[in-house]
Amino acid sequence: VDKTIAEKLIADLGKAGHACWIDKVEIKGGDEWMQSITAGINNSYAFISLVSDDANRSTWVRREFLWAEYKQK
């Protein structure tokens, strides 16, 4: 369900002229994953977090949100 909602949101934002980045490919775990996510947030002018039950239970989603907040996105 989260993936479907995210894909719809990305499509709508794209139609409105916003370039979007999401981890849609399988990034390997560990440092490579963390660097990819960090770079995605760092290179963005905005950050959107979809809040769902699954996301609320995810330590990684929480970390992404906190990093985006720290970077004032």
PDB file of N, CA and C in Angstrom:
ATOM      1  N   VAL A   1       0.833  -1.192   0.000  1.00  0.00           N
ATOM      2  CA  VAL A   1       0.000   0.000   0.000  1.00  0.00           C
ATOM      3  C   VAL A   1       0.876   1.254   0.000  1.00  0.00           C
ATOM      4  N   ASP A   2       1.917   1.295   0.840  1.00  0.00           N
ATOM      5  CA  ASP A   2       2.792   2.468   0.890  1.00  0.00           C
ATOM      6  C   ASP A   2       3.397   2.752  -0.482  1.00  0.00           C
ATOM      7  N   LYS A   3       3.832   1.713  -1.162  1.00  0.00           N
ATOM      8  CA  LYS A   3       4.466   1.878  -2.466  1.00  0.00           C
ATOM      9  C   LYS A   3       3.486   2.476  -3.477  1.00  0.00           C
ATOM     10  N   THR A   4       2.249   2.023  -3.471  1.00  0.00           N
ATOM     11  CA  THR A   4       1.236   2.529  -4.390  1.00  0.00           C
ATOM     12  C   THR A   4       0.974   4.013  -4.140  1.00  0.00           C
ATOM     13  N   ILE A   5       0.849   4.388  -2.891  1.00  0.00           N
ATOM     14  CA  ILE A   5       0.615   5.789  -2.534  1.00  0.00           C
ATOM     15  C   ILE A   5       1.810   6.642  -2.944  1.00  0.00           C
ATOM     16  N   ALA A   6       3.008   6.160  -2.662  1.00  0.00           N
ATOM     17  CA  ALA A   6       4.220   6.905  -3.015  1.00  0.00           C
ATOM     18  C   ALA A   6       4.322   7.094  -4.524  1.00  0.00           C
ATOM     19  N   GLU A   7       4.049   6.056  -5.287  1.00  0.00           N
ATOM     20  CA  GLU A   7       4.135   6.157  -6.746  1.00  0.00           C
ATOM     21  C   GLU A   7       3.116   7.151  -7.293  1.00  0.00           C
ATOM     22  N   LYS A   8       1.916   7.181  -6.748  1.00  0.00           N
ATOM     23  CA  LYS A   8       0.887   8.141  -7.161  1.00  0.00           C
ATOM     24  C   LYS A   8       1.341   9.557  -6.832  1.00  0.00           C
ATOM     25  N   LEU A   9       1.863   9.765  -5.642  1.00  0.00           N
ATOM     26  CA  LEU A   9       2.332  11.090  -5.238  1.00  0.00           C
ATOM     27  C   LEU A   9       3.461  11.559  -6.146  1.00  0.00           C
ATOM     28  N   ILE A  10       4.401  10.681  -6.443  1.00  0.00           N
ATOM     29  CA  ILE A  10       5.523  11.031  -7.318  1.00  0.00           C
ATOM     30  C   ILE A  10       5.030  11.389  -8.720  1.00  0.00           C
ATOM     31  N   ALA A  11       4.074  10.627  -9.227  1.00  0.00           N
ATOM     32  CA  ALA A  11       3.513  10.925 -10.546  1.00  0.00           C
ATOM     33  C   ALA A  11       2.840  12.292 -10.551  1.00  0.00           C
ATOM     34  N   ASP A  12       2.069  12.584  -9.526  1.00  0.00           N
ATOM     35  CA  ASP A  12       1.384  13.880  -9.438  1.00  0.00           C
ATOM     36  C   ASP A  12       2.379  15.036  -9.304  1.00  0.00           C
ATOM     37  N   LEU A  13       3.400  14.856  -8.478  1.00  0.00           N
ATOM     38  CA  LEU A  13       4.420  15.895  -8.331  1.00  0.00           C
ATOM     39  C   LEU A  13       5.186  16.093  -9.636  1.00  0.00           C
ATOM     40  N   GLY A  14       5.473  14.998 -10.333  1.00  0.00           N
ATOM     41  CA  GLY A  14       6.151  15.090 -11.625  1.00  0.00           C
ATOM     42  C   GLY A  14       5.328  15.863 -12.635  1.00  0.00           C
ATOM     43  N   LYS A  15       4.024  15.628 -12.675  1.00  0.00           N
ATOM     44  CA  LYS A  15       3.136  16.358 -13.589  1.00  0.00           C
ATOM     45  C   LYS A  15       3.112  17.846 -13.260  1.00  0.00           C
ATOM     46  N   ALA A  16       3.340  18.170 -11.991  1.00  0.00           N
ATOM     47  CA  ALA A  16       3.359  19.573 -11.562  1.00  0.00           C
ATOM     48  C   ALA A  16       4.740  20.214 -11.762  1.00  0.00           C
ATOM     49  N   GLY A  17       5.691  19.464 -12.330  1.00  0.00           N
ATOM     50  CA  GLY A  17       6.995  20.018 -12.653  1.00  0.00           C
ATOM     51  C   GLY A  17       8.086  19.810 -11.616  1.00  0.00           C
ATOM     52  N   HIS A  18       7.833  18.964 -10.635  1.00  0.00           N
ATOM     53  CA  HIS A  18       8.836  18.703  -9.604  1.00  0.00           C
ATOM     54  C   HIS A  18       9.600  17.418  -9.917  1.00  0.00           C
ATOM     55  N   ALA A  19      10.911  17.489  -9.869  1.00  0.00           N
ATOM     56  CA  ALA A  19      11.730  16.290 -10.024  1.00  0.00           C
ATOM     57  C   ALA A  19      11.728  15.561  -8.684  1.00  0.00           C
ATOM     58  N   CYS A  20      11.480  14.268  -8.717  1.00  0.00           N
ATOM     59  CA  CYS A  20      11.395  13.495  -7.471  1.00  0.00           C
ATOM     60  C   CYS A  20      12.430  12.388  -7.468  1.00  0.00           C
ATOM     61  N   TRP A  21      12.911  12.075  -6.283  1.00  0.00           N
ATOM     62  CA  TRP A  21      13.832  10.958  -6.094  1.00  0.00           C
ATOM     63  C   TRP A  21      13.258  10.051  -5.022  1.00  0.00           C
ATOM     64  N   ILE A  22      13.287   8.776  -5.287  1.00  0.00           N
ATOM     65  CA  ILE A  22      12.850   7.781  -4.314  1.00  0.00           C
ATOM     66  C   ILE A  22      13.713   6.548  -4.510  1.00  0.00           C
ATOM     67  N   ASP A  23      13.940   5.841  -3.443  1.00  0.00           N
ATOM     68  CA  ASP A  23      14.682   4.583  -3.520  1.00  0.00           C
ATOM     69  C   ASP A  23      13.772   3.528  -4.122  1.00  0.00           C
ATOM     70  N   LYS A  24      13.695   3.498  -5.456  1.00  0.00           N
ATOM     71  CA  LYS A  24      12.859   2.514  -6.138  1.00  0.00           C
ATOM     72  C   LYS A  24      13.663   1.290  -6.555  1.00  0.00           C
ATOM     73  N   VAL A  25      14.966   1.446  -6.632  1.00  0.00           N
ATOM     74  CA  VAL A  25      15.809   0.306  -6.983  1.00  0.00           C
ATOM     75  C   VAL A  25      16.316  -0.319  -5.700  1.00  0.00           C
ATOM     76  N   GLU A  26      16.756  -1.505  -5.798  1.00  0.00           N
ATOM     77  CA  GLU A  26      17.277  -2.193  -4.620  1.00  0.00           C
ATOM     78  C   GLU A  26      18.709  -1.744  -4.362  1.00  0.00           C
ATOM     79  N   ILE A  27      18.868  -0.839  -3.435  1.00  0.00           N
ATOM     80  CA  ILE A  27      20.199  -0.398  -3.029  1.00  0.00           C
ATOM     81  C   ILE A  27      20.717  -1.418  -2.027  1.00  0.00           C
ATOM     82  N   LYS A  28      21.956  -1.804  -2.185  1.00  0.00           N
ATOM     83  CA  LYS A  28      22.544  -2.744  -1.242  1.00  0.00           C
ATOM     84  C   LYS A  28      22.572  -2.126   0.147  1.00  0.00           C
ATOM     85  N   GLY A  29      22.554  -2.947   1.151  1.00  0.00           N
ATOM     86  CA  GLY A  29      22.534  -2.473   2.530  1.00  0.00           C
ATOM     87  C   GLY A  29      23.828  -1.827   2.954  1.00  0.00           C
ATOM     88  N   GLY A  30      23.851  -1.390   4.187  1.00  0.00           N
ATOM     89  CA  GLY A  30      25.065  -0.847   4.775  1.00  0.00           C
ATOM     90  C   GLY A  30      25.392   0.543   4.311  1.00  0.00           C
ATOM     91  N   ASP A  31      26.688   0.793   4.183  1.00  0.00           N
ATOM     92  CA  ASP A  31      27.174   2.133   3.871  1.00  0.00           C
ATOM     93  C   ASP A  31      26.636   2.663   2.540  1.00  0.00           C
ATOM     94  N   GLU A  32      26.563   1.813   1.515  1.00  0.00           N
ATOM     95  CA  GLU A  32      26.088   2.264   0.205  1.00  0.00           C
ATOM     96  C   GLU A  32      24.655   2.780   0.307  1.00  0.00           C
ATOM     97  N   TRP A  33      23.819   2.071   1.033  1.00  0.00           N
ATOM     98  CA  TRP A  33      22.429   2.478   1.205  1.00  0.00           C
ATOM     99  C   TRP A  33      22.356   3.812   1.943  1.00  0.00           C
ATOM    100  N   MET A  34      23.090   3.917   3.025  1.00  0.00           N
ATOM    101  CA  MET A  34      23.068   5.149   3.818  1.00  0.00           C
ATOM    102  C   MET A  34      23.577   6.335   3.001  1.00  0.00           C
ATOM    103  N   GLN A  35      24.607   6.143   2.210  1.00  0.00           N
ATOM    104  CA  GLN A  35      25.141   7.222   1.385  1.00  0.00           C
ATOM    105  C   GLN A  35      24.146   7.648   0.313  1.00  0.00           C
ATOM    106  N   SER A  36      23.457   6.685  -0.289  1.00  0.00           N
ATOM    107  CA  SER A  36      22.467   6.999  -1.322  1.00  0.00           C
ATOM    108  C   SER A  36      21.303   7.792  -0.752  1.00  0.00           C
ATOM    109  N   ILE A  37      20.787   7.369   0.388  1.00  0.00           N
ATOM    110  CA  ILE A  37      19.676   8.071   1.027  1.00  0.00           C
ATOM    111  C   ILE A  37      20.121   9.466   1.466  1.00  0.00           C
ATOM    112  N   THR A  38      21.285   9.564   2.094  1.00  0.00           N
ATOM    113  CA  THR A  38      21.802  10.854   2.539  1.00  0.00           C
ATOM    114  C   THR A  38      21.981  11.804   1.364  1.00  0.00           C
ATOM    115  N   ALA A  39      22.548  11.319   0.277  1.00  0.00           N
ATOM    116  CA  ALA A  39      22.747  12.153  -0.910  1.00  0.00           C
ATOM    117  C   ALA A  39      21.402  12.598  -1.477  1.00  0.00           C
ATOM    118  N   GLY A  40      20.428  11.703  -1.508  1.00  0.00           N
ATOM    119  CA  GLY A  40      19.100  12.059  -2.006  1.00  0.00           C
ATOM    120  C   GLY A  40      18.485  13.189  -1.206  1.00  0.00           C
ATOM    121  N   ILE A  41      18.607  13.127   0.106  1.00  0.00           N
ATOM    122  CA  ILE A  41      18.073  14.185   0.969  1.00  0.00           C
ATOM    123  C   ILE A  41      18.886  15.463   0.810  1.00  0.00           C
ATOM    124  N   ASN A  42      20.201  15.341   0.829  1.00  0.00           N
ATOM    125  CA  ASN A  42      21.075  16.516   0.724  1.00  0.00           C
ATOM    126  C   ASN A  42      20.846  17.289  -0.568  1.00  0.00           C
ATOM    127  N   ASN A  43      20.563  16.584  -1.652  1.00  0.00           N
ATOM    128  CA  ASN A  43      20.411  17.212  -2.964  1.00  0.00           C
ATOM    129  C   ASN A  43      18.978  17.640  -3.264  1.00  0.00           C
ATOM    130  N   SER A  44      18.112  17.565  -2.293  1.00  0.00           N
ATOM    131  CA  SER A  44      16.706  17.926  -2.474  1.00  0.00           C
ATOM    132  C   SER A  44      16.426  19.300  -1.904  1.00  0.00           C
ATOM    133  N   TYR A  45      15.398  19.936  -2.444  1.00  0.00           N
ATOM    134  CA  TYR A  45      14.952  21.195  -1.850  1.00  0.00           C
ATOM    135  C   TYR A  45      13.793  20.959  -0.895  1.00  0.00           C
ATOM    136  N   ALA A  46      13.246  19.753  -0.903  1.00  0.00           N
ATOM    137  CA  ALA A  46      12.136  19.412   0.000  1.00  0.00           C
ATOM    138  C   ALA A  46      12.185  17.921   0.299  1.00  0.00           C
ATOM    139  N   PHE A  47      11.549  17.540   1.380  1.00  0.00           N
ATOM    140  CA  PHE A  47      11.492  16.145   1.801  1.00  0.00           C
ATOM    141  C   PHE A  47      10.057  15.845   2.206  1.00  0.00           C
ATOM    142  N   ILE A  48       9.511  14.785   1.660  1.00  0.00           N
ATOM    143  CA  ILE A  48       8.164  14.363   2.020  1.00  0.00           C
ATOM    144  C   ILE A  48       8.263  12.987   2.642  1.00  0.00           C
ATOM    145  N   SER A  49       7.685  12.840   3.802  1.00  0.00           N
ATOM    146  CA  SER A  49       7.648  11.548   4.478  1.00  0.00           C
ATOM    147  C   SER A  49       6.207  11.070   4.512  1.00  0.00           C
ATOM    148  N   LEU A  50       5.965   9.914   3.925  1.00  0.00           N
ATOM    149  CA  LEU A  50       4.633   9.324   3.994  1.00  0.00           C
ATOM    150  C   LEU A  50       4.525   8.581   5.316  1.00  0.00           C
ATOM    151  N   VAL A  51       3.568   8.959   6.102  1.00  0.00           N
ATOM    152  CA  VAL A  51       3.427   8.379   7.429  1.00  0.00           C
ATOM    153  C   VAL A  51       2.351   7.301   7.385  1.00  0.00           C
ATOM    154  N   SER A  52       2.773   6.097   7.653  1.00  0.00           N
ATOM    155  CA  SER A  52       1.870   4.955   7.697  1.00  0.00           C
ATOM    156  C   SER A  52       2.259   4.104   8.902  1.00  0.00           C
ATOM    157  N   ASP A  53       1.483   3.094   9.196  1.00  0.00           N
ATOM    158  CA  ASP A  53       1.836   2.208  10.304  1.00  0.00           C
ATOM    159  C   ASP A  53       3.203   1.565  10.075  1.00  0.00           C
ATOM    160  N   ASP A  54       3.451   1.106   8.844  1.00  0.00           N
ATOM    161  CA  ASP A  54       4.748   0.490   8.540  1.00  0.00           C
ATOM    162  C   ASP A  54       5.883   1.499   8.701  1.00  0.00           C
ATOM    163  N   ALA A  55       5.682   2.714   8.187  1.00  0.00           N
ATOM    164  CA  ALA A  55       6.718   3.739   8.290  1.00  0.00           C
ATOM    165  C   ALA A  55       6.986   4.105   9.745  1.00  0.00           C
ATOM    166  N   ASN A  56       5.934   4.197  10.535  1.00  0.00           N
ATOM    167  CA  ASN A  56       6.097   4.550  11.949  1.00  0.00           C
ATOM    168  C   ASN A  56       6.891   3.511  12.724  1.00  0.00           C
ATOM    169  N   ARG A  57       6.906   2.282  12.245  1.00  0.00           N
ATOM    170  CA  ARG A  57       7.656   1.213  12.914  1.00  0.00           C
ATOM    171  C   ARG A  57       9.089   1.105  12.399  1.00  0.00           C
ATOM    172  N   SER A  58       9.418   1.851  11.366  1.00  0.00           N
ATOM    173  CA  SER A  58      10.721   1.732  10.722  1.00  0.00           C
ATOM    174  C   SER A  58      11.749   2.669  11.340  1.00  0.00           C
ATOM    175  N   THR A  59      12.809   2.088  11.859  1.00  0.00           N
ATOM    176  CA  THR A  59      13.915   2.892  12.382  1.00  0.00           C
ATOM    177  C   THR A  59      14.548   3.707  11.262  1.00  0.00           C
ATOM    178  N   TRP A  60      14.655   3.122  10.067  1.00  0.00           N
ATOM    179  CA  TRP A  60      15.294   3.815   8.952  1.00  0.00           C
ATOM    180  C   TRP A  60      14.474   5.006   8.493  1.00  0.00           C
ATOM    181  N   VAL A  61      13.159   4.874   8.448  1.00  0.00           N
ATOM    182  CA  VAL A  61      12.311   6.008   8.075  1.00  0.00           C
ATOM    183  C   VAL A  61      12.489   7.133   9.088  1.00  0.00           C
ATOM    184  N   ARG A  62      12.535   6.791  10.350  1.00  0.00           N
ATOM    185  CA  ARG A  62      12.748   7.785  11.399  1.00  0.00           C
ATOM    186  C   ARG A  62      14.085   8.491  11.206  1.00  0.00           C
ATOM    187  N   ARG A  63      15.120   7.723  10.897  1.00  0.00           N
ATOM    188  CA  ARG A  63      16.445   8.319  10.682  1.00  0.00           C
ATOM    189  C   ARG A  63      16.444   9.256   9.463  1.00  0.00           C
ATOM    190  N   GLU A  64      15.783   8.832   8.389  1.00  0.00           N
ATOM    191  CA  GLU A  64      15.689   9.679   7.196  1.00  0.00           C
ATOM    192  C   GLU A  64      14.991  10.987   7.534  1.00  0.00           C
ATOM    193  N   PHE A  65      13.888  10.908   8.271  1.00  0.00           N
ATOM    194  CA  PHE A  65      13.151  12.099   8.653  1.00  0.00           C
ATOM    195  C   PHE A  65      14.025  13.031   9.493  1.00  0.00           C
ATOM    196  N   LEU A  66      14.721  12.477  10.469  1.00  0.00           N
ATOM    197  CA  LEU A  66      15.566  13.299  11.336  1.00  0.00           C
ATOM    198  C   LEU A  66      16.702  13.949  10.555  1.00  0.00           C
ATOM    199  N   TRP A  67      17.277  13.221   9.587  1.00  0.00           N
ATOM    200  CA  TRP A  67      18.344  13.805   8.760  1.00  0.00           C
ATOM    201  C   TRP A  67      17.781  14.946   7.919  1.00  0.00           C
ATOM    202  N   ALA A  68      16.626  14.750   7.322  1.00  0.00           N
ATOM    203  CA  ALA A  68      16.001  15.791   6.518  1.00  0.00           C
ATOM    204  C   ALA A  68      15.688  17.014   7.383  1.00  0.00           C
ATOM    205  N   GLU A  69      15.212  16.782   8.588  1.00  0.00           N
ATOM    206  CA  GLU A  69      14.933  17.891   9.491  1.00  0.00           C
ATOM    207  C   GLU A  69      16.234  18.626   9.846  1.00  0.00           C
ATOM    208  N   TYR A  70      17.273  17.899  10.127  1.00  0.00           N
ATOM    209  CA  TYR A  70      18.578  18.486  10.439  1.00  0.00           C
ATOM    210  C   TYR A  70      19.083  19.339   9.277  1.00  0.00           C
ATOM    211  N   LYS A  71      18.846  18.878   8.050  1.00  0.00           N
ATOM    212  CA  LYS A  71      19.279  19.601   6.854  1.00  0.00           C
ATOM    213  C   LYS A  71      18.273  20.685   6.440  1.00  0.00           C
ATOM    214  N   GLN A  72      17.252  20.883   7.255  1.00  0.00           N
ATOM    215  CA  GLN A  72      16.213  21.899   7.038  1.00  0.00           C
ATOM    216  C   GLN A  72      15.502  21.728   5.706  1.00  0.00           C
ATOM    217  N   LYS A  73      15.111  20.510   5.425  1.00  0.00           N
ATOM    218  CA  LYS A  73      14.373  20.202   4.180  1.00  0.00           C
ATOM    219  C   LYS A  73      12.888  20.164   4.452  1.00  0.00           C
TER     220      LYS A  73
END
